[in-house]
């Protein structure tokens, strides 16, 4: 994708990063040297300076995102905001271990190609008509993104989609129609990856961060099954709308000859061969973990979601692959693909949230918004979803969630509302970035397709952003209210 960006844009971005690199600590220094606002303690004022520092660095990516997430350890302990042991404990929150276990299961699936087999089976089952091909890719990508990283699922489906687009393009003399099909297919992959991640707690870091903050700061347990009652309906509705928007409203590609596409997909499946014993064993571990996550309450299991995830992770490291090589289902060398930095990002967000409660900053912010109690709740939810969605178009989804959750939790408390009313929309909206290539890795990956223009992504993304804001608002009343007992 880099060759499609003007060099001047790269130079400007570099200058902005350098400016942000200096601006972050200067903001912190200004907070340290200046008196606290009325009613705010000095530790709370200093914590607000640290929050601003981290937000500046996250937005401009002045430093790697996980490195920025480590700032609370030296700054909060150095300024006496919290002891270092208290701060570092947030980086070992149980929900982080839920994510870690999910990463290990995903690594085992990818190591043995199980994720590719699942995706190709779904695509093949949908048929060879152009719209059916697109629907198959959407379903496969979304299902994978519920359990493995959005980036990994997009990379894999991007590689499968390219030969399909090339084959269909070679069978038609109408280049523009073929291009529209290619654009719709690529956008469907990127958008489905983002939408599918909403479905489970391990689908995207924002979901796990929400559950962690609710548990550590408010004593509210949001388990795997409860979240799926919210996330899955939202994902299903958004997938359906996305499919109709791409195929019926924005990109008309008529009756293209897609007969050869079925052959391409069949060839990809033949290359995988019959399902091997290591795949079956990984599938068994994954199925047991998913079953435990969804039904542990009904079954009365003594393990929580994190315990189930780590038990499954241990299983893939211990169980033999069964292919005669003497190897296990997962070796440590395969964990090089695990996004360890995401765990640090989650820890940094939790450290900030804990600091908001400890210093009284949450109460101070909440008190300032007590006058909003007269504003209709649906307007607040709509505004939170819309603002989060707009900001996540230009910065990290996880960084946005980490910054907004403690603030909006404080706002909800100050208004006398259950905190879930304003915090759940943040987690949902942070995954709905559809308009810009820089908004999320899936968007950036499919932007590498030469037929996809910036205008195509913006045109589709604007509509989906608006629709997502409305869907999230409706979901809070129709689904979340019931699932969370609000």
Protein backbone atom coordinates (compact mmCIF):
# COMPACT_ATOMS: atom_id res chain seq x y z
CA UNK A 1 0.00 0.00 0.00
CA UNK A 2 2.93 2.34 0.67
CA UNK A 3 3.55 2.98 -3.02
CA UNK A 4 0.03 4.43 -3.31
CA UNK A 5 0.73 7.16 -0.78
CA UNK A 6 2.40 10.40 -1.83
CA UNK A 7 5.92 10.90 -0.35
CA UNK A 8 4.91 14.33 0.96
CA UNK A 9 2.26 12.66 3.08
CA UNK A 10 4.92 10.46 4.68
CA UNK A 11 7.13 13.46 5.46
CA UNK A 12 4.22 15.36 6.99
CA UNK A 13 3.25 12.36 9.10
CA UNK A 14 6.83 12.07 10.33
CA UNK A 15 6.88 15.73 11.37
CA UNK A 16 3.57 15.32 13.20
CA UNK A 17 4.92 12.28 15.02
CA UNK A 18 7.98 14.21 16.15
CA UNK A 19 5.77 17.09 17.30
CA UNK A 20 3.59 14.67 19.25
CA UNK A 21 6.68 13.06 20.75
CA UNK A 22 7.55 16.41 22.33
CA UNK A 23 4.01 17.58 23.03
CA UNK A 24 3.08 14.56 25.16
CA UNK A 25 5.62 15.01 27.97
CA UNK A 26 5.25 18.81 27.78
CA UNK A 27 1.55 18.47 28.58
CA UNK A 28 2.45 16.23 31.51
CA UNK A 29 5.05 18.76 32.68
CA UNK A 30 2.51 21.58 32.48
CA UNK A 31 0.08 19.62 34.65
CA UNK A 32 2.83 18.88 37.17
CA UNK A 33 3.91 22.52 37.45
CA UNK A 34 0.46 24.11 37.52
CA UNK A 35 -2.13 24.05 40.32
CA UNK A 36 -5.04 21.64 40.12
CA UNK A 37 -8.49 22.95 39.13
CA UNK A 38 -10.96 23.63 41.90
CA UNK A 39 -12.20 20.48 43.59
CA UNK A 40 -9.55 18.24 42.02
CA UNK A 41 -6.69 16.69 43.97
CA UNK A 42 -3.12 17.04 42.74
CA UNK A 43 -2.76 13.29 41.99
CA UNK A 44 -5.95 13.48 39.92
CA UNK A 45 -4.62 16.52 38.04
CA UNK A 46 -1.33 14.79 37.37
CA UNK A 47 -3.20 11.70 36.16
CA UNK A 48 -5.16 13.86 33.71
CA UNK A 49 -1.82 15.11 32.39
CA UNK A 50 -0.62 11.52 31.95
CA UNK A 51 -3.85 10.63 30.17
CA UNK A 52 -3.39 13.55 27.76
CA UNK A 53 0.22 12.47 27.16
CA UNK A 54 -0.83 8.93 26.30
CA UNK A 55 -3.69 10.09 24.07
CA UNK A 56 -1.35 12.39 22.10
CA UNK A 57 1.16 9.60 21.58
CA UNK A 58 -1.55 7.09 20.70
CA UNK A 59 -3.25 9.34 18.16
CA UNK A 60 -0.05 10.26 16.31
CA UNK A 61 1.70 6.93 17.07
CA UNK A 62 4.72 8.89 18.31
CA UNK A 63 5.91 5.67 19.92
CA UNK A 64 4.74 2.09 19.42
CA UNK A 65 1.27 1.75 20.95
CA UNK A 66 2.29 -0.93 23.50
CA UNK A 67 5.28 1.18 24.60
CA UNK A 68 2.97 4.14 25.28
CA UNK A 69 0.74 1.81 27.31
CA UNK A 70 3.68 1.24 29.69
CA UNK A 71 3.86 4.91 30.72
CA UNK A 72 1.61 4.48 33.79
CA UNK A 73 4.21 2.27 35.46
CA UNK A 74 7.03 4.85 35.79
CA UNK A 75 4.84 7.99 35.83
CA UNK A 76 2.10 6.92 38.26
CA UNK A 77 4.55 5.34 40.67
CA UNK A 78 7.13 8.12 40.26
CA UNK A 79 4.61 10.85 41.09
CA UNK A 80 3.12 8.93 43.98
CA UNK A 81 -0.25 8.47 42.27
CA UNK A 82 -0.14 4.75 43.07
CA UNK A 83 2.50 2.24 44.27
CA UNK A 84 4.29 0.43 41.48
CA UNK A 85 2.88 -2.92 42.64
CA UNK A 86 -0.65 -1.55 42.36
CA UNK A 87 -0.02 -0.21 38.85
CA UNK A 88 1.70 -3.32 37.51
CA UNK A 89 -1.07 -5.53 38.92
CA UNK A 90 -3.36 -4.08 36.26
CA UNK A 91 -1.17 -5.64 33.55
CA UNK A 92 -2.01 -9.05 35.02
CA UNK A 93 -5.77 -8.62 35.12
CA UNK A 94 -7.68 -11.92 34.63
CA UNK A 95 -9.26 -10.64 31.41
CA UNK A 96 -5.78 -10.19 29.94
CA UNK A 97 -5.22 -13.90 30.53
CA UNK A 98 -8.51 -14.59 28.73
CA UNK A 99 -7.07 -12.80 25.72
CA UNK A 100 -3.73 -14.59 26.10
CA UNK A 101 -5.42 -17.98 26.10
CA UNK A 102 -7.46 -16.99 23.05
CA UNK A 103 -4.28 -15.94 21.26
CA UNK A 104 -2.67 -19.33 21.96
CA UNK A 105 -5.69 -21.24 20.65
CA UNK A 106 -5.68 -19.03 17.53
CA UNK A 107 -1.94 -19.67 17.06
CA UNK A 108 -2.58 -23.42 17.14
CA UNK A 109 -5.38 -23.07 14.59
CA UNK A 110 -3.12 -21.07 12.29
CA UNK A 111 -0.16 -23.39 12.82
CA UNK A 112 -2.11 -26.36 11.44
CA UNK A 113 -4.22 -24.49 8.89
CA UNK A 114 -7.53 -25.15 10.62
CA UNK A 115 -8.63 -21.54 10.19
CA UNK A 116 -8.07 -21.77 6.42
CA UNK A 117 -10.08 -24.98 6.17
CA UNK A 118 -12.98 -23.43 8.09
CA UNK A 119 -12.97 -20.32 5.89
CA UNK A 120 -12.81 -22.19 2.58
CA UNK A 121 -15.55 -24.59 3.67
CA UNK A 122 -17.90 -21.69 4.42
CA UNK A 123 -17.09 -19.95 1.13
CA UNK A 124 -17.56 -23.17 -0.88
CA UNK A 125 -20.90 -23.87 0.80
CA UNK A 126 -22.37 -20.56 -0.41
CA UNK A 127 -22.15 -21.32 -4.15
CA UNK A 128 -20.53 -19.64 -7.17
CA UNK A 129 -22.86 -16.75 -8.05
CA UNK A 130 -21.05 -13.41 -7.54
CA UNK A 131 -23.28 -12.27 -4.69
CA UNK A 132 -23.08 -15.70 -3.06
CA UNK A 133 -19.29 -15.61 -3.32
CA UNK A 134 -19.25 -12.27 -1.55
CA UNK A 135 -21.63 -13.53 1.14
CA UNK A 136 -19.44 -16.59 1.66
CA UNK A 137 -16.35 -14.44 2.13
CA UNK A 138 -18.21 -12.22 4.58
CA UNK A 139 -19.44 -15.11 6.70
CA UNK A 140 -16.06 -16.87 6.69
CA UNK A 141 -14.17 -13.72 7.66
CA UNK A 142 -16.64 -12.78 10.38
CA UNK A 143 -16.65 -16.26 11.93
CA UNK A 144 -12.85 -16.35 11.99
CA UNK A 145 -12.62 -12.84 13.43
CA UNK A 146 -14.73 -13.88 16.39
CA UNK A 147 -11.88 -16.16 17.49
CA UNK A 148 -8.62 -15.04 15.85
CA UNK A 149 -7.29 -11.55 15.21
CA UNK A 150 -9.05 -9.36 12.67
CA UNK A 151 -5.71 -8.76 10.97
CA UNK A 152 -4.90 -12.46 10.58
CA UNK A 153 -8.34 -13.30 9.21
CA UNK A 154 -8.15 -10.42 6.72
CA UNK A 155 -4.68 -11.35 5.51
CA UNK A 156 -5.81 -14.91 4.86
CA UNK A 157 -9.07 -14.02 3.12
CA UNK A 158 -7.32 -11.30 1.08
CA UNK A 159 -4.99 -13.95 -0.33
CA UNK A 160 -7.95 -16.18 -1.26
CA UNK A 161 -9.96 -13.30 -2.75
CA UNK A 162 -7.26 -12.08 -5.14
CA UNK A 163 -7.28 -15.08 -7.54
CA UNK A 164 -11.09 -15.12 -7.49
CA UNK A 165 -11.17 -11.46 -8.57
CA UNK A 166 -8.54 -12.05 -11.26
CA UNK A 167 -10.41 -15.03 -12.68
CA UNK A 168 -13.74 -13.21 -12.85
CA UNK A 169 -12.03 -10.17 -14.36
CA UNK A 170 -10.52 -12.34 -17.09
CA UNK A 171 -13.95 -13.71 -18.00
CA UNK A 172 -15.60 -10.36 -18.69
CA UNK A 173 -14.92 -7.60 -21.19
CA UNK A 174 -16.47 -5.01 -18.89
CA UNK A 175 -13.48 -3.89 -16.83
CA UNK A 176 -15.42 -1.44 -14.68
CA UNK A 177 -18.01 -4.04 -13.67
CA UNK A 178 -15.24 -6.47 -12.78
CA UNK A 179 -13.53 -3.73 -10.76
CA UNK A 180 -16.73 -3.03 -8.84
CA UNK A 181 -17.00 -6.71 -7.95
CA UNK A 182 -13.39 -6.72 -6.78
CA UNK A 183 -13.92 -3.59 -4.69
CA UNK A 184 -17.09 -4.98 -3.12
CA UNK A 185 -15.37 -8.29 -2.32
CA UNK A 186 -12.33 -6.62 -0.75
CA UNK A 187 -14.41 -4.20 1.29
CA UNK A 188 -16.62 -7.06 2.43
CA UNK A 189 -13.56 -8.87 3.78
CA UNK A 190 -12.27 -5.84 5.69
CA UNK A 191 -15.66 -4.83 7.05
CA UNK A 192 -16.60 -8.39 8.05
CA UNK A 193 -13.36 -8.73 10.00
CA UNK A 194 -14.20 -5.64 12.04
CA UNK A 195 -17.85 -6.58 12.48
CA UNK A 196 -17.15 -10.21 13.38
CA UNK A 197 -14.74 -9.20 16.12
CA UNK A 198 -17.63 -7.61 17.99
CA UNK A 199 -19.22 -11.02 18.58
CA UNK A 200 -16.98 -12.37 21.38
CA UNK A 201 -14.91 -11.03 24.25
CA UNK A 202 -11.70 -12.21 22.56
CA UNK A 203 -12.75 -10.96 19.12
CA UNK A 204 -11.22 -7.52 19.65
CA UNK A 205 -9.25 -5.92 22.51
CA UNK A 206 -11.92 -3.30 23.17
CA UNK A 207 -14.39 -5.96 24.28
CA UNK A 208 -11.97 -7.48 26.77
CA UNK A 209 -10.99 -4.04 28.03
CA UNK A 210 -14.64 -3.20 28.68
CA UNK A 211 -15.12 -6.40 30.67
CA UNK A 212 -11.91 -5.73 32.62
CA UNK A 213 -12.82 -2.15 33.55
CA UNK A 214 -16.36 -3.13 34.53
CA UNK A 215 -14.98 -5.86 36.78
CA UNK A 216 -12.07 -4.00 38.38
CA UNK A 217 -13.67 -0.56 38.78
CA UNK A 218 -17.37 -1.32 39.27
CA UNK A 219 -17.57 -4.95 40.37
CA UNK A 220 -19.72 -5.85 37.34
CA UNK A 221 -18.97 -9.25 35.82
CA UNK A 222 -19.43 -9.39 32.05
CA UNK A 223 -18.85 -13.01 31.10
CA UNK A 224 -18.29 -14.56 27.69
CA UNK A 225 -21.88 -15.72 27.29
CA UNK A 226 -23.43 -12.42 28.40
CA UNK A 227 -21.31 -10.48 25.94
CA UNK A 228 -22.27 -12.79 23.09
CA UNK A 229 -25.94 -11.98 23.80
CA UNK A 230 -25.04 -8.40 22.85
CA UNK A 231 -22.20 -8.78 20.36
CA UNK A 232 -23.59 -11.55 18.16
CA UNK A 233 -26.92 -9.82 17.37
CA UNK A 234 -25.09 -6.57 16.59
CA UNK A 235 -22.66 -8.45 14.33
CA UNK A 236 -25.46 -10.31 12.51
CA UNK A 237 -27.44 -7.13 11.84
CA UNK A 238 -24.36 -5.21 10.68
CA UNK A 239 -23.27 -8.06 8.41
CA UNK A 240 -26.69 -8.19 6.77
CA UNK A 241 -26.76 -4.43 6.24
CA UNK A 242 -23.19 -4.41 4.96
CA UNK A 243 -23.99 -7.17 2.46
CA UNK A 244 -27.05 -5.35 1.12
CA UNK A 245 -25.23 -2.04 0.95
CA UNK A 246 -22.26 -3.42 -0.97
CA UNK A 247 -24.19 -5.64 -3.39
CA UNK A 248 -27.50 -3.80 -3.91
CA UNK A 249 -26.82 -0.11 -3.36
CA UNK A 250 -23.19 0.90 -3.95
CA UNK A 251 -21.43 -1.58 -6.24
CA UNK A 252 -23.57 -3.11 -8.98
CA UNK A 253 -21.77 -5.93 -10.78
CA UNK A 254 -24.69 -7.59 -12.56
CA UNK A 255 -24.47 -11.18 -13.73
CA UNK A 256 -20.74 -11.69 -13.96
CA UNK A 257 -19.52 -15.11 -15.03
CA UNK A 258 -18.24 -16.58 -11.77
CA UNK A 259 -18.19 -20.24 -12.78
CA UNK A 260 -14.40 -20.35 -12.63
CA UNK A 261 -14.36 -18.93 -9.13
CA UNK A 262 -15.84 -22.16 -7.82
CA UNK A 263 -12.95 -24.03 -9.39
CA UNK A 264 -10.42 -21.72 -7.73
CA UNK A 265 -11.98 -22.27 -4.31
CA UNK A 266 -12.21 -26.03 -4.93
CA UNK A 267 -8.52 -26.08 -5.87
CA UNK A 268 -7.65 -24.24 -2.68
CA UNK A 269 -9.58 -26.85 -0.69
CA UNK A 270 -7.93 -29.74 -2.56
CA UNK A 271 -4.53 -28.27 -1.72
CA UNK A 272 -5.38 -28.61 1.96
CA UNK A 273 -6.00 -32.34 1.55
CA UNK A 274 -8.12 -34.36 3.98
CA UNK A 275 -8.46 -33.09 7.54
CA UNK A 276 -5.41 -34.22 9.49
CA UNK A 277 -5.21 -35.45 13.06
CA UNK A 278 -3.56 -32.25 14.40
CA UNK A 279 -6.41 -30.16 12.95
CA UNK A 280 -9.01 -32.41 14.55
CA UNK A 281 -7.31 -32.16 17.93
CA UNK A 282 -7.03 -28.37 17.76
CA UNK A 283 -10.67 -28.22 16.72
CA UNK A 284 -11.59 -30.35 19.72
CA UNK A 285 -9.71 -28.08 22.15
CA UNK A 286 -11.26 -24.99 20.59
CA UNK A 287 -14.79 -26.47 20.70
CA UNK A 288 -14.42 -27.41 24.36
CA UNK A 289 -13.11 -23.94 25.25
CA UNK A 290 -15.93 -22.19 23.36
CA UNK A 291 -18.49 -24.50 24.99
CA UNK A 292 -17.06 -23.74 28.43
CA UNK A 293 -17.08 -19.99 27.81
CA UNK A 294 -20.69 -19.95 26.72
CA UNK A 295 -22.17 -22.38 29.24
CA UNK A 296 -19.91 -22.33 32.31
CA UNK A 297 -22.66 -20.64 34.34
CA UNK A 298 -25.25 -23.26 33.43
CA UNK A 299 -22.78 -26.08 34.07
CA UNK A 300 -21.52 -24.58 37.33
CA UNK A 301 -17.88 -24.87 36.27
CA UNK A 302 -15.37 -23.79 38.96
CA UNK A 303 -13.28 -21.95 36.34
CA UNK A 304 -13.99 -18.45 35.05
CA UNK A 305 -13.49 -17.40 31.42
CA UNK A 306 -9.79 -16.67 31.92
CA UNK A 307 -9.23 -20.03 33.62
CA UNK A 308 -10.89 -21.86 30.72
CA UNK A 309 -8.76 -19.95 28.22
CA UNK A 310 -5.50 -20.75 30.00
CA UNK A 311 -6.50 -24.41 30.44
CA UNK A 312 -7.08 -24.60 26.68
CA UNK A 313 -3.74 -22.87 26.04
CA UNK A 314 -1.95 -25.39 28.25
CA UNK A 315 -3.73 -28.20 26.42
CA UNK A 316 -2.42 -27.16 22.98
CA UNK A 317 1.11 -26.94 24.41
CA UNK A 318 0.86 -30.39 26.03
CA UNK A 319 -1.20 -32.54 23.66
CA UNK A 320 0.77 -34.35 20.95
CA UNK A 321 -0.01 -33.42 17.37
CA UNK A 322 -0.53 -37.10 16.57
CA UNK A 323 1.06 -36.87 13.13
CA UNK A 324 4.03 -39.13 13.92
CA UNK A 325 6.50 -36.24 14.20
CA UNK A 326 6.59 -36.23 17.99
CA UNK A 327 5.61 -32.54 18.00
CA UNK A 328 2.90 -31.03 20.15
CA UNK A 329 -0.10 -29.12 18.86
CA UNK A 330 1.72 -25.85 19.58
CA UNK A 331 5.41 -25.18 20.18
CA UNK A 332 6.68 -21.97 21.74
CA UNK A 333 8.35 -20.92 18.48
CA UNK A 334 4.89 -20.59 16.94
CA UNK A 335 3.93 -17.93 19.47
CA UNK A 336 6.03 -15.36 17.61
CA UNK A 337 2.84 -14.49 15.72
CA UNK A 338 0.92 -13.76 18.95
CA UNK A 339 0.21 -10.00 19.24
CA UNK A 340 1.83 -9.58 22.64
CA UNK A 341 1.61 -5.80 22.36
CA UNK A 342 -2.19 -5.97 22.60
CA UNK A 343 -1.83 -7.38 26.12
CA UNK A 344 0.27 -4.36 27.12
CA UNK A 345 -2.30 -2.03 25.56
CA UNK A 346 -5.01 -3.63 27.65
CA UNK A 347 -2.87 -3.32 30.76
CA UNK A 348 -2.19 0.36 30.12
CA UNK A 349 -5.89 1.06 29.71
CA UNK A 350 -6.69 -0.76 32.94
CA UNK A 351 -3.96 1.13 34.80
CA UNK A 352 -5.51 4.43 33.69
CA UNK A 353 -8.99 3.27 34.70
CA UNK A 354 -7.77 2.20 38.14
CA UNK A 355 -6.03 5.56 38.54
CA UNK A 356 -9.25 7.40 37.73
CA UNK A 357 -10.94 5.66 40.66
CA UNK A 358 -8.00 5.86 43.06
CA UNK A 359 -7.35 9.59 42.66
CA UNK A 360 -10.97 10.69 42.57
CA UNK A 361 -10.63 11.92 38.98
CA UNK A 362 -13.62 9.79 38.00
CA UNK A 363 -15.81 11.48 40.62
CA UNK A 364 -14.58 14.95 39.58
CA UNK A 365 -15.41 14.29 35.92
CA UNK A 366 -18.75 12.76 36.84
CA UNK A 367 -19.69 15.76 38.94
CA UNK A 368 -19.03 18.08 36.01
CA UNK A 369 -21.54 16.18 33.89
CA UNK A 370 -24.31 15.88 36.45
CA UNK A 371 -26.28 18.54 34.56
CA UNK A 372 -26.67 16.16 31.61
CA UNK A 373 -29.24 14.19 33.56
CA UNK A 374 -31.93 16.14 31.73
CA UNK A 375 -30.66 15.04 28.30
CA UNK A 376 -32.61 12.07 26.86
CA UNK A 377 -30.63 8.87 27.33
CA UNK A 378 -30.95 7.83 23.70
CA UNK A 379 -29.31 11.12 22.65
CA UNK A 380 -26.37 10.45 24.97
CA UNK A 381 -25.93 6.88 23.70
CA UNK A 382 -26.15 8.06 20.09
CA UNK A 383 -23.57 10.80 20.75
CA UNK A 384 -21.16 8.44 22.53
CA UNK A 385 -21.34 5.89 19.70
CA UNK A 386 -20.96 8.56 17.01
CA UNK A 387 -18.04 10.38 18.62
CA UNK A 388 -16.20 7.14 19.41
CA UNK A 389 -16.68 5.95 15.85
CA UNK A 390 -15.35 9.18 14.36
CA UNK A 391 -12.26 9.24 16.57
CA UNK A 392 -11.45 5.60 15.94
CA UNK A 393 -11.18 6.43 12.23
CA UNK A 394 -7.88 8.20 12.94
CA UNK A 395 -6.37 6.32 15.88
CA UNK A 396 -6.09 2.90 17.48
CA UNK A 397 -9.37 1.23 18.40
CA UNK A 398 -7.87 -0.08 21.62
CA UNK A 399 -6.38 3.31 22.53
CA UNK A 400 -9.75 4.99 22.02
CA UNK A 401 -11.47 2.41 24.21
CA UNK A 402 -8.80 2.62 26.91
CA UNK A 403 -9.15 6.41 27.04
CA UNK A 404 -12.93 6.70 26.85
CA UNK A 405 -14.06 3.90 29.17
CA UNK A 406 -12.97 5.44 32.49
CA UNK A 407 -14.14 8.90 31.43
CA UNK A 408 -17.60 7.78 30.35
CA UNK A 409 -17.92 5.51 33.35
CA UNK A 410 -17.37 8.59 35.49
CA UNK A 411 -19.88 10.59 33.43
CA UNK A 412 -22.52 7.87 33.83
CA UNK A 413 -21.92 7.72 37.58
CA UNK A 414 -22.22 11.49 37.87
CA UNK A 415 -25.55 11.34 36.06
CA UNK A 416 -26.84 8.52 38.23
CA UNK A 417 -26.90 6.04 35.32
CA UNK A 418 -25.71 2.43 35.26
CA UNK A 419 -22.23 2.74 33.74
CA UNK A 420 -22.98 0.13 31.06
CA UNK A 421 -25.27 2.59 29.26
CA UNK A 422 -22.29 4.71 28.14
CA UNK A 423 -19.43 2.20 28.30
CA UNK A 424 -20.86 -0.61 26.16
CA UNK A 425 -21.44 1.74 23.16
CA UNK A 426 -17.75 2.72 23.33
CA UNK A 427 -16.59 -0.89 22.98
CA UNK A 428 -19.04 -1.59 20.14
CA UNK A 429 -18.34 1.63 18.22
CA UNK A 430 -14.56 1.31 18.51
CA UNK A 431 -14.74 -1.75 16.23
CA UNK A 432 -16.87 -0.05 13.56
CA UNK A 433 -14.25 1.92 11.63
CA UNK A 434 -15.10 1.57 7.94
CA UNK A 435 -14.15 4.81 6.20
CA UNK A 436 -10.35 5.23 6.15
CA UNK A 437 -7.46 2.86 5.33
CA UNK A 438 -5.63 4.04 8.45
CA UNK A 439 -8.62 3.37 10.70
CA UNK A 440 -7.92 -0.33 11.24
CA UNK A 441 -5.50 -2.99 9.89
CA UNK A 442 -8.19 -4.82 7.86
CA UNK A 443 -8.95 -1.59 5.95
CA UNK A 444 -5.25 -1.02 5.31
CA UNK A 445 -4.74 -4.58 4.08
CA UNK A 446 -7.51 -4.55 1.47
CA UNK A 447 -6.46 -1.07 0.34
CA UNK A 448 -3.49 -2.90 -1.16
CA UNK A 449 -5.84 -4.10 -3.92
CA UNK A 450 -5.07 -1.84 -6.87
CA UNK A 451 -8.68 -1.60 -8.03
CA UNK A 452 -9.80 -0.12 -4.71
CA UNK A 453 -9.78 3.69 -4.66
CA UNK A 454 -9.92 5.90 -1.61
CA UNK A 455 -13.29 7.24 -2.76
CA UNK A 456 -14.74 3.71 -2.80
CA UNK A 457 -13.83 3.10 0.83
CA UNK A 458 -15.00 6.53 1.97
CA UNK A 459 -18.31 6.23 0.10
CA UNK A 460 -19.12 2.85 1.62
CA UNK A 461 -17.61 3.72 4.99
CA UNK A 462 -19.66 6.87 5.55
CA UNK A 463 -22.90 4.94 5.14
CA UNK A 464 -21.76 2.07 7.36
CA UNK A 465 -20.51 4.47 10.04
CA UNK A 466 -23.90 6.19 10.18
CA UNK A 467 -25.77 2.89 10.18
CA UNK A 468 -23.49 1.44 12.86
CA UNK A 469 -24.21 4.40 15.13
CA UNK A 470 -27.95 3.75 14.81
CA UNK A 471 -27.59 -0.02 15.21
CA UNK A 472 -25.53 0.38 18.39
CA UNK A 473 -28.06 2.82 19.83
CA UNK A 474 -30.95 0.47 19.03
CA UNK A 475 -29.01 -2.51 20.39
CA UNK A 476 -28.65 -0.84 23.77
CA UNK A 477 -32.45 -0.87 24.15
CA UNK A 478 -33.34 -4.06 22.32
CA UNK A 479 -30.49 -6.36 23.40
CA UNK A 480 -28.04 -4.94 25.94
CA UNK A 481 -30.76 -3.69 28.26
CA UNK A 482 -32.07 -7.22 28.59
CA UNK A 483 -28.70 -9.02 28.62
CA UNK A 484 -27.22 -6.72 31.28
CA UNK A 485 -30.37 -6.22 33.32
CA UNK A 486 -30.36 -2.43 32.93
